[in-house]
Amino acid sequence: MDTPRFCKVGDRPVKALLEDDGFGVYVFDLSTGNFILDLSYLDKIYFGRMDDVEILSEQEFNTYVEKLKKEKGL
């Protein structure tokens, strides 16, 4: 699997990273502004229907996350 992968699933930012302790999929928590481990998105971002998933560059992803944080007051 290619990592890192940055995407939007619907309107939610999701990133997949290969780290020292293994592979993780992290989802933006709309209430806290933090990323939480959620492997339930693994199938969707790698094998799911692409009409729900938009692959982004890291810069596009970071810009989108900052926009959401401002909108949510986080």
Protein backbone atom coordinates (compact mmCIF):
# COMPACT_ATOMS: atom_id res chain seq x y z
CA MET A 1 0.00 0.00 0.00
CA ASP A 2 1.24 3.44 -0.81
CA THR A 3 1.82 5.66 2.20
CA PRO A 4 1.47 8.30 3.23
CA ARG A 5 -1.99 8.74 1.74
CA PHE A 6 -4.00 11.90 2.34
CA CYS A 7 -7.65 12.09 1.40
CA LYS A 8 -11.14 13.28 2.11
CA VAL A 9 -13.83 10.69 2.71
CA GLY A 10 -16.99 12.68 2.23
CA ASP A 11 -15.96 15.86 4.06
CA ARG A 12 -13.76 14.13 6.64
CA PRO A 13 -9.94 14.29 6.37
CA VAL A 14 -8.30 10.87 6.61
CA LYS A 15 -4.60 10.02 6.45
CA ALA A 16 -2.77 6.72 6.28
CA LEU A 17 0.78 6.62 7.59
CA LEU A 18 3.49 4.02 7.99
CA GLU A 19 5.13 4.68 11.34
CA ASP A 20 7.84 3.03 13.41
CA ASP A 21 5.27 0.92 15.24
CA GLY A 22 3.22 -0.01 12.16
CA PHE A 23 0.56 1.20 9.81
CA GLY A 24 -2.20 3.54 10.95
CA VAL A 25 -5.24 5.26 9.51
CA TYR A 26 -6.16 8.49 11.26
CA VAL A 27 -9.44 10.33 10.97
CA PHE A 28 -10.05 13.98 11.81
CA ASP A 29 -12.32 14.31 14.84
CA LEU A 30 -14.69 17.17 14.06
CA SER A 31 -15.33 17.92 17.74
CA THR A 32 -11.71 18.14 18.94
CA GLY A 33 -9.65 18.90 15.82
CA ASN A 34 -7.36 15.96 16.59
CA PHE A 35 -6.68 12.88 14.50
CA ILE A 36 -7.75 9.57 15.99
CA LEU A 37 -6.76 6.07 14.96
CA ASP A 38 -9.64 4.46 13.07
CA LEU A 39 -8.77 1.42 10.98
CA SER A 40 -12.37 1.15 9.77
CA TYR A 41 -11.39 3.64 7.04
CA LEU A 42 -8.59 1.40 5.72
CA ASP A 43 -10.79 -0.53 3.33
CA LYS A 44 -12.55 2.58 2.10
CA ILE A 45 -9.42 4.61 1.26
CA TYR A 46 -7.56 1.75 -0.39
CA PHE A 47 -10.23 -0.53 -1.79
CA GLY A 48 -13.52 1.38 -1.59
CA ARG A 49 -15.51 3.24 -4.15
CA MET A 50 -13.61 6.28 -5.31
CA ASP A 51 -16.70 8.48 -5.62
CA ASP A 52 -16.64 8.96 -1.81
CA VAL A 53 -12.85 9.31 -1.60
CA GLU A 54 -10.81 12.21 -2.92
CA ILE A 55 -7.03 11.70 -2.88
CA LEU A 56 -5.19 14.92 -1.97
CA SER A 57 -1.62 16.09 -1.90
CA GLU A 58 -0.20 16.66 1.57
CA GLN A 59 -0.41 20.42 1.04
CA GLU A 60 -4.06 20.26 -0.10
CA PHE A 61 -4.84 18.02 2.88
CA ASN A 62 -3.21 20.37 5.40
CA THR A 63 -4.98 23.38 3.90
CA TYR A 64 -8.32 21.59 4.14
CA VAL A 65 -7.68 20.57 7.76
CA GLU A 66 -6.83 24.15 8.72
CA LYS A 67 -10.00 25.38 7.00
CA LEU A 68 -12.10 22.89 8.98
CA LYS A 69 -10.43 23.87 12.24
CA LYS A 70 -11.24 27.54 11.62
CA GLU A 71 -14.84 26.73 10.68
CA LYS A 72 -15.27 24.66 13.87
CA GLY A 73 -13.45 27.18 16.06
CA LEU A 74 -10.75 24.68 17.00
